[in-house]
Amino acid sequence: MQDDSLYKAFALEKLGVEFVDIQFLITAFTHRSYVNEHRKIAKEHNERMEFLGDAVLELVVTEYLYKNHSDPEGTLTSWRSALVRTESIGAAAAKFDFEPLLRLSRGEKRGTTRAREQILANCYEAVIGALYLDQGYDGAKMFIEKSVLATFDDILTSGSWMDPKSNLQEIVQSKEGFTPVYKVLSEEGPDHEKIFRVGVFVDGEMKGEGSGPSKQSGQVASAEAALKDYKD
């Protein structure tokens, strides 16, 4: 089948392995929507494989951090969260050109950028599951090392492992000697769907603003906006 050769070539070039059963990899790229639209040719989607891959990913990352760093549990947990979060694994999937191989329905192909990022992140975990099933723990571990763990130094250097508010506070206090102050700029919508627009101020000057369904989420969004300016 043409599909088989496409995925076999991808496995060799991008994953660095030759699958014993290429169907594992094909399933890893198969979204639920594709199965719903192609019931005659697609029998299984990638959600169960994603469930397995998520566990393998967390174990490999945890093992790496435990063996290589003696920092407190709280710090290790924050580092692990940064490595396995949707943005990190979605970026890894994009870097290794997962998107052209995604099997999606026509509707999902027209989805939002955010929806596509989530699909890529889920696919990454499913591919880890496929590697584990076909190549064993070591096969999955090798790909995780070169696709996600390879970014760890950048995460440490940039401070992106910290939550945005903590990261901003550390940078502002270091550069300017002030502590960021958050203020609600406006509240819109009914009580059950209220949107809070929040600004973050440093020495009286607004450095960023953002919105969210709670004051806390608005603060995080404004901190993220301010961080972009400080890091440019």
C-alpha atoms as a PDB file:
ATOM      1  CA  MET A   1       0.000   0.000   0.000  1.00  0.00           C
ATOM      2  CA  GLN A   2       1.131   3.537  -0.732  1.00  0.00           C
ATOM      3  CA  ASP A   3       0.322   4.549   2.846  1.00  0.00           C
ATOM      4  CA  ASP A   4       2.653   1.881   4.157  1.00  0.00           C
ATOM      5  CA  SER A   5       5.622   3.109   2.118  1.00  0.00           C
ATOM      6  CA  LEU A   6       4.979   6.714   3.129  1.00  0.00           C
ATOM      7  CA  TYR A   7       4.993   5.896   6.826  1.00  0.00           C
ATOM      8  CA  LYS A   8       7.914   3.486   6.517  1.00  0.00           C
ATOM      9  CA  ALA A   9       9.986   6.231   4.878  1.00  0.00           C
ATOM     10  CA  PHE A  10       8.960   8.681   7.607  1.00  0.00           C
ATOM     11  CA  ALA A  11       9.919   6.204  10.333  1.00  0.00           C
ATOM     12  CA  LEU A  12      13.380   5.719   8.878  1.00  0.00           C
ATOM     13  CA  GLU A  13      14.064   9.380   8.118  1.00  0.00           C
ATOM     14  CA  LYS A  14      12.488  11.147  11.097  1.00  0.00           C
ATOM     15  CA  LEU A  15      12.240   8.542  13.855  1.00  0.00           C
ATOM     16  CA  GLY A  16      15.384   6.651  12.966  1.00  0.00           C
ATOM     17  CA  VAL A  17      13.812   3.189  13.174  1.00  0.00           C
ATOM     18  CA  GLU A  18      12.386   0.489  10.929  1.00  0.00           C
ATOM     19  CA  PHE A  19       9.001  -0.585  12.224  1.00  0.00           C
ATOM     20  CA  VAL A  20       8.260  -4.304  12.491  1.00  0.00           C
ATOM     21  CA  ASP A  21       4.527  -3.538  12.192  1.00  0.00           C
ATOM     22  CA  ILE A  22       4.002  -0.226  10.404  1.00  0.00           C
ATOM     23  CA  GLN A  23       0.304  -0.313  11.279  1.00  0.00           C
ATOM     24  CA  PHE A  24       1.222   0.875  14.777  1.00  0.00           C
ATOM     25  CA  LEU A  25       2.600   4.085  13.289  1.00  0.00           C
ATOM     26  CA  ILE A  26      -0.297   4.564  10.884  1.00  0.00           C
ATOM     27  CA  THR A  27      -2.723   4.237  13.788  1.00  0.00           C
ATOM     28  CA  ALA A  28      -0.721   6.813  15.759  1.00  0.00           C
ATOM     29  CA  PHE A  29      -1.415   9.355  13.025  1.00  0.00           C
ATOM     30  CA  THR A  30      -5.114   8.509  12.729  1.00  0.00           C
ATOM     31  CA  HIS A  31      -7.461  11.030  14.364  1.00  0.00           C
ATOM     32  CA  ARG A  32     -10.886   9.974  15.600  1.00  0.00           C
ATOM     33  CA  SER A  33     -12.515  12.209  12.972  1.00  0.00           C
ATOM     34  CA  TYR A  34     -10.785  10.302  10.162  1.00  0.00           C
ATOM     35  CA  VAL A  35     -12.186   6.982  11.391  1.00  0.00           C
ATOM     36  CA  ASN A  36     -15.674   8.475  11.548  1.00  0.00           C
ATOM     37  CA  GLU A  37     -15.339   9.633   7.933  1.00  0.00           C
ATOM     38  CA  HIS A  38     -13.571   6.524   6.553  1.00  0.00           C
ATOM     39  CA  ARG A  39     -15.108   3.590   8.401  1.00  0.00           C
ATOM     40  CA  LYS A  40     -14.414   1.138   5.569  1.00  0.00           C
ATOM     41  CA  ILE A  41     -10.655   1.679   5.521  1.00  0.00           C
ATOM     42  CA  ALA A  42      -9.840   2.898   9.041  1.00  0.00           C
ATOM     43  CA  LYS A  43     -10.827   0.822  12.040  1.00  0.00           C
ATOM     44  CA  GLU A  44      -8.850   2.355  14.906  1.00  0.00           C
ATOM     45  CA  HIS A  45      -7.906   5.894  15.958  1.00  0.00           C
ATOM     46  CA  ASN A  46      -4.946   6.954  18.064  1.00  0.00           C
ATOM     47  CA  GLU A  47      -6.497   7.769  21.447  1.00  0.00           C
ATOM     48  CA  ARG A  48      -5.597   4.509  23.230  1.00  0.00           C
ATOM     49  CA  MET A  49      -2.067   4.723  21.844  1.00  0.00           C
ATOM     50  CA  GLU A  50      -1.887   8.340  23.025  1.00  0.00           C
ATOM     51  CA  PHE A  51      -2.846   7.166  26.526  1.00  0.00           C
ATOM     52  CA  LEU A  52       0.054   4.696  26.486  1.00  0.00           C
ATOM     53  CA  GLY A  53       2.529   7.175  25.010  1.00  0.00           C
ATOM     54  CA  ASP A  54       1.692   9.792  27.615  1.00  0.00           C
ATOM     55  CA  ALA A  55       2.753   7.389  30.379  1.00  0.00           C
ATOM     56  CA  VAL A  56       5.968   6.391  28.574  1.00  0.00           C
ATOM     57  CA  LEU A  57       6.844  10.041  27.899  1.00  0.00           C
ATOM     58  CA  GLU A  58       6.390  11.009  31.523  1.00  0.00           C
ATOM     59  CA  LEU A  59       8.469   8.056  32.732  1.00  0.00           C
ATOM     60  CA  VAL A  60      11.371   8.786  30.338  1.00  0.00           C
ATOM     61  CA  VAL A  61      11.422  12.481  31.247  1.00  0.00           C
ATOM     62  CA  THR A  62      11.152  11.722  34.973  1.00  0.00           C
ATOM     63  CA  GLU A  63      13.968   9.153  34.759  1.00  0.00           C
ATOM     64  CA  TYR A  64      16.197  11.648  32.921  1.00  0.00           C
ATOM     65  CA  LEU A  65      15.617  14.429  35.448  1.00  0.00           C
ATOM     66  CA  TYR A  66      16.088  12.116  38.432  1.00  0.00           C
ATOM     67  CA  LYS A  67      19.376  10.710  37.128  1.00  0.00           C
ATOM     68  CA  ASN A  68      20.873  14.005  35.960  1.00  0.00           C
ATOM     69  CA  HIS A  69      19.702  16.614  38.481  1.00  0.00           C
ATOM     70  CA  SER A  70      19.664  16.678  42.282  1.00  0.00           C
ATOM     71  CA  ASP A  71      17.265  19.614  42.600  1.00  0.00           C
ATOM     72  CA  PRO A  72      14.240  19.537  44.951  1.00  0.00           C
ATOM     73  CA  GLU A  73      11.106  17.651  43.923  1.00  0.00           C
ATOM     74  CA  GLY A  74       9.162  20.861  43.277  1.00  0.00           C
ATOM     75  CA  THR A  75      11.749  22.107  40.777  1.00  0.00           C
ATOM     76  CA  LEU A  76      11.962  18.724  39.032  1.00  0.00           C
ATOM     77  CA  THR A  77       8.174  18.657  38.761  1.00  0.00           C
ATOM     78  CA  SER A  78       8.127  22.119  37.165  1.00  0.00           C
ATOM     79  CA  TRP A  79      10.822  21.107  34.692  1.00  0.00           C
ATOM     80  CA  ARG A  80       8.943  17.940  33.785  1.00  0.00           C
ATOM     81  CA  SER A  81       5.720  19.888  33.277  1.00  0.00           C
ATOM     82  CA  ALA A  82       7.517  22.265  30.919  1.00  0.00           C
ATOM     83  CA  LEU A  83       8.948  19.388  28.883  1.00  0.00           C
ATOM     84  CA  VAL A  84       5.707  17.422  28.463  1.00  0.00           C
ATOM     85  CA  ARG A  85       3.179  20.258  28.143  1.00  0.00           C
ATOM     86  CA  THR A  86       1.116  20.589  24.971  1.00  0.00           C
ATOM     87  CA  GLU A  87       3.224  23.436  23.577  1.00  0.00           C
ATOM     88  CA  SER A  88       6.498  21.520  23.975  1.00  0.00           C
ATOM     89  CA  ILE A  89       5.421  18.221  22.474  1.00  0.00           C
ATOM     90  CA  GLY A  90       3.354  19.955  19.794  1.00  0.00           C
ATOM     91  CA  ALA A  91       6.455  21.904  18.782  1.00  0.00           C
ATOM     92  CA  ALA A  92       8.445  18.648  18.702  1.00  0.00           C
ATOM     93  CA  ALA A  93       5.830  17.086  16.418  1.00  0.00           C
ATOM     94  CA  ALA A  94       5.981  20.118  14.125  1.00  0.00           C
ATOM     95  CA  LYS A  95       9.783  20.072  14.044  1.00  0.00           C
ATOM     96  CA  PHE A  96       9.772  16.433  12.946  1.00  0.00           C
ATOM     97  CA  ASP A  97       7.173  17.115  10.227  1.00  0.00           C
ATOM     98  CA  PHE A  98       4.274  15.145  11.692  1.00  0.00           C
ATOM     99  CA  GLU A  99       1.578  17.345  10.167  1.00  0.00           C
ATOM    100  CA  PRO A 100       1.644  16.087   6.533  1.00  0.00           C
ATOM    101  CA  LEU A 101       1.032  12.545   7.773  1.00  0.00           C
ATOM    102  CA  LEU A 102      -1.945  13.342  10.013  1.00  0.00           C
ATOM    103  CA  ARG A 103      -5.082  11.474   8.993  1.00  0.00           C
ATOM    104  CA  LEU A 104      -7.910  13.927   9.661  1.00  0.00           C
ATOM    105  CA  SER A 105     -11.463  14.470   8.494  1.00  0.00           C
ATOM    106  CA  ARG A 106     -12.134  17.288   6.038  1.00  0.00           C
ATOM    107  CA  GLY A 107     -13.597  19.341   8.889  1.00  0.00           C
ATOM    108  CA  GLU A 108     -10.590  18.905  11.176  1.00  0.00           C
ATOM    109  CA  LYS A 109      -8.242  19.909   8.351  1.00  0.00           C
ATOM    110  CA  ARG A 110      -9.955  23.313   8.396  1.00  0.00           C
ATOM    111  CA  GLY A 111      -9.742  23.628  12.190  1.00  0.00           C
ATOM    112  CA  THR A 112      -8.162  26.452  14.168  1.00  0.00           C
ATOM    113  CA  THR A 113      -4.449  26.797  14.798  1.00  0.00           C
ATOM    114  CA  ARG A 114      -5.001  25.995  18.469  1.00  0.00           C
ATOM    115  CA  ALA A 115      -6.952  22.848  17.600  1.00  0.00           C
ATOM    116  CA  ARG A 116      -4.169  21.740  15.247  1.00  0.00           C
ATOM    117  CA  GLU A 117      -1.547  22.274  17.963  1.00  0.00           C
ATOM    118  CA  GLN A 118      -3.521  20.013  20.285  1.00  0.00           C
ATOM    119  CA  ILE A 119      -3.902  17.360  17.589  1.00  0.00           C
ATOM    120  CA  LEU A 120      -0.140  17.434  16.949  1.00  0.00           C
ATOM    121  CA  ALA A 121       0.600  17.115  20.667  1.00  0.00           C
ATOM    122  CA  ASN A 122      -1.776  14.155  20.963  1.00  0.00           C
ATOM    123  CA  CYS A 123      -0.215  12.582  17.866  1.00  0.00           C
ATOM    124  CA  TYR A 124       3.260  12.961  19.383  1.00  0.00           C
ATOM    125  CA  GLU A 125       2.164  10.964  22.426  1.00  0.00           C
ATOM    126  CA  ALA A 126       0.545   8.359  20.169  1.00  0.00           C
ATOM    127  CA  VAL A 127       3.778   8.006  18.164  1.00  0.00           C
ATOM    128  CA  ILE A 128       5.641   7.416  21.435  1.00  0.00           C
ATOM    129  CA  GLY A 129       3.075   4.707  22.186  1.00  0.00           C
ATOM    130  CA  ALA A 130       3.622   3.186  18.736  1.00  0.00           C
ATOM    131  CA  LEU A 131       7.393   3.209  19.215  1.00  0.00           C
ATOM    132  CA  TYR A 132       7.025   1.558  22.613  1.00  0.00           C
ATOM    133  CA  LEU A 133       4.786  -1.195  21.217  1.00  0.00           C
ATOM    134  CA  ASP A 134       6.982  -1.871  18.191  1.00  0.00           C
ATOM    135  CA  GLN A 135      10.511  -1.034  19.372  1.00  0.00           C
ATOM    136  CA  GLY A 136      10.250  -1.368  23.137  1.00  0.00           C
ATOM    137  CA  TYR A 137      11.109   1.116  25.864  1.00  0.00           C
ATOM    138  CA  ASP A 138      14.550   1.940  24.475  1.00  0.00           C
ATOM    139  CA  GLY A 139      13.163   2.756  21.032  1.00  0.00           C
ATOM    140  CA  ALA A 140      10.645   5.179  22.494  1.00  0.00           C
ATOM    141  CA  LYS A 141      13.273   6.635  24.811  1.00  0.00           C
ATOM    142  CA  MET A 142      15.689   7.404  21.966  1.00  0.00           C
ATOM    143  CA  PHE A 143      13.106   9.465  20.114  1.00  0.00           C
ATOM    144  CA  ILE A 144      12.015  11.307  23.262  1.00  0.00           C
ATOM    145  CA  GLU A 145      15.652  12.178  23.958  1.00  0.00           C
ATOM    146  CA  LYS A 146      16.238  13.752  20.554  1.00  0.00           C
ATOM    147  CA  SER A 147      12.827  15.408  20.171  1.00  0.00           C
ATOM    148  CA  VAL A 148      11.976  16.703  23.657  1.00  0.00           C
ATOM    149  CA  LEU A 149      14.869  16.252  26.087  1.00  0.00           C
ATOM    150  CA  ALA A 150      17.154  17.959  23.574  1.00  0.00           C
ATOM    151  CA  THR A 151      15.239  21.192  24.284  1.00  0.00           C
ATOM    152  CA  PHE A 152      15.846  21.085  28.047  1.00  0.00           C
ATOM    153  CA  ASP A 153      18.833  23.458  28.066  1.00  0.00           C
ATOM    154  CA  ASP A 154      16.815  26.051  26.140  1.00  0.00           C
ATOM    155  CA  ILE A 155      13.949  25.718  28.614  1.00  0.00           C
ATOM    156  CA  LEU A 156      16.333  26.294  31.521  1.00  0.00           C
ATOM    157  CA  THR A 157      18.040  29.261  29.852  1.00  0.00           C
ATOM    158  CA  SER A 158      14.807  31.001  28.835  1.00  0.00           C
ATOM    159  CA  GLY A 159      13.058  30.399  32.161  1.00  0.00           C
ATOM    160  CA  SER A 160       9.981  29.147  30.297  1.00  0.00           C
ATOM    161  CA  TRP A 161       9.661  26.279  32.802  1.00  0.00           C
ATOM    162  CA  MET A 162       8.360  28.812  35.321  1.00  0.00           C
ATOM    163  CA  ASP A 163       4.770  29.950  35.204  1.00  0.00           C
ATOM    164  CA  PRO A 164       4.502  33.313  33.351  1.00  0.00           C
ATOM    165  CA  LYS A 165       3.868  35.403  36.483  1.00  0.00           C
ATOM    166  CA  SER A 166       6.867  33.967  38.345  1.00  0.00           C
ATOM    167  CA  ASN A 167       9.041  34.291  35.261  1.00  0.00           C
ATOM    168  CA  LEU A 168       8.040  37.924  34.735  1.00  0.00           C
ATOM    169  CA  GLN A 169       8.590  38.783  38.389  1.00  0.00           C
ATOM    170  CA  GLU A 170      12.093  37.290  38.343  1.00  0.00           C
ATOM    171  CA  ILE A 171      13.050  39.201  35.179  1.00  0.00           C
ATOM    172  CA  VAL A 172      11.544  42.530  36.299  1.00  0.00           C
ATOM    173  CA  GLN A 173      13.084  42.380  39.765  1.00  0.00           C
ATOM    174  CA  SER A 174      16.448  41.489  38.247  1.00  0.00           C
ATOM    175  CA  LYS A 175      16.407  44.215  35.576  1.00  0.00           C
ATOM    176  CA  GLU A 176      14.450  47.021  37.219  1.00  0.00           C
ATOM    177  CA  GLY A 177      14.189  46.297  40.923  1.00  0.00           C
ATOM    178  CA  PHE A 178      10.371  46.451  40.963  1.00  0.00           C
ATOM    179  CA  THR A 179       7.606  43.922  41.530  1.00  0.00           C
ATOM    180  CA  PRO A 180       4.905  43.694  38.805  1.00  0.00           C
ATOM    181  CA  VAL A 181       1.447  44.886  39.868  1.00  0.00           C
ATOM    182  CA  TYR A 182      -1.726  43.516  38.245  1.00  0.00           C
ATOM    183  CA  LYS A 183      -4.870  45.606  37.814  1.00  0.00           C
ATOM    184  CA  VAL A 184      -8.253  44.688  36.345  1.00  0.00           C
ATOM    185  CA  LEU A 185      -8.872  47.081  33.453  1.00  0.00           C
ATOM    186  CA  SER A 186     -12.403  46.001  32.641  1.00  0.00           C
ATOM    187  CA  GLU A 187     -15.011  43.289  33.182  1.00  0.00           C
ATOM    188  CA  GLU A 188     -17.366  42.325  30.375  1.00  0.00           C
ATOM    189  CA  GLY A 189     -20.232  39.885  29.939  1.00  0.00           C
ATOM    190  CA  PRO A 190     -22.758  38.245  32.281  1.00  0.00           C
ATOM    191  CA  ASP A 191     -21.610  36.755  35.574  1.00  0.00           C
ATOM    192  CA  HIS A 192     -21.469  33.190  34.217  1.00  0.00           C
ATOM    193  CA  GLU A 193     -19.426  34.231  31.140  1.00  0.00           C
ATOM    194  CA  LYS A 194     -17.461  37.195  32.442  1.00  0.00           C
ATOM    195  CA  ILE A 195     -14.224  38.194  30.727  1.00  0.00           C
ATOM    196  CA  PHE A 196     -11.585  40.055  32.739  1.00  0.00           C
ATOM    197  CA  ARG A 197      -9.122  42.337  30.948  1.00  0.00           C
ATOM    198  CA  VAL A 198      -6.032  42.735  33.118  1.00  0.00           C
ATOM    199  CA  GLY A 199      -2.946  44.915  32.818  1.00  0.00           C
ATOM    200  CA  VAL A 200       0.428  44.329  34.423  1.00  0.00           C
ATOM    201  CA  PHE A 201       2.292  47.445  35.556  1.00  0.00           C
ATOM    202  CA  VAL A 202       5.941  48.027  36.445  1.00  0.00           C
ATOM    203  CA  ASP A 203       6.701  51.272  38.276  1.00  0.00           C
ATOM    204  CA  GLY A 204       3.341  52.640  37.123  1.00  0.00           C
ATOM    205  CA  GLU A 205       3.838  51.778  33.436  1.00  0.00           C
ATOM    206  CA  MET A 206       1.689  49.119  31.798  1.00  0.00           C
ATOM    207  CA  LYS A 207       3.918  46.443  30.280  1.00  0.00           C
ATOM    208  CA  GLY A 208       1.275  44.045  28.993  1.00  0.00           C
ATOM    209  CA  GLU A 209      -2.397  43.223  29.001  1.00  0.00           C
ATOM    210  CA  GLY A 210      -4.460  40.095  28.545  1.00  0.00           C
ATOM    211  CA  SER A 211      -7.922  38.665  29.002  1.00  0.00           C
ATOM    212  CA  GLY A 212      -9.414  35.558  30.531  1.00  0.00           C
ATOM    213  CA  PRO A 213     -12.517  34.078  32.181  1.00  0.00           C
ATOM    214  CA  SER A 214     -11.041  34.811  35.638  1.00  0.00           C
ATOM    215  CA  LYS A 215      -8.796  37.454  37.159  1.00  0.00           C
ATOM    216  CA  GLN A 216      -6.055  34.854  37.543  1.00  0.00           C
ATOM    217  CA  SER A 217      -6.181  33.777  33.884  1.00  0.00           C
ATOM    218  CA  GLY A 218      -6.200  37.447  32.852  1.00  0.00           C
ATOM    219  CA  GLN A 219      -3.091  38.028  34.963  1.00  0.00           C
ATOM    220  CA  VAL A 220      -1.322  35.076  33.344  1.00  0.00           C
ATOM    221  CA  ALA A 221      -2.234  36.349  29.859  1.00  0.00           C
ATOM    222  CA  SER A 222      -0.957  39.850  30.665  1.00  0.00           C
ATOM    223  CA  ALA A 223       2.286  38.399  32.080  1.00  0.00           C
ATOM    224  CA  GLU A 224       2.778  36.386  28.879  1.00  0.00           C
ATOM    225  CA  ALA A 225       2.298  39.560  26.825  1.00  0.00           C
ATOM    226  CA  ALA A 226       4.816  41.467  28.947  1.00  0.00           C
ATOM    227  CA  LEU A 227       7.360  38.652  28.718  1.00  0.00           C
ATOM    228  CA  LYS A 228       7.449  38.911  24.929  1.00  0.00           C
ATOM    229  CA  ASP A 229       8.669  42.514  25.189  1.00  0.00           C
ATOM    230  CA  TYR A 230      11.234  41.778  27.887  1.00  0.00           C
ATOM    231  CA  LYS A 231      12.688  38.868  25.896  1.00  0.00           C
ATOM    232  CA  ASP A 232      12.793  40.614  22.502  1.00  0.00           C
END
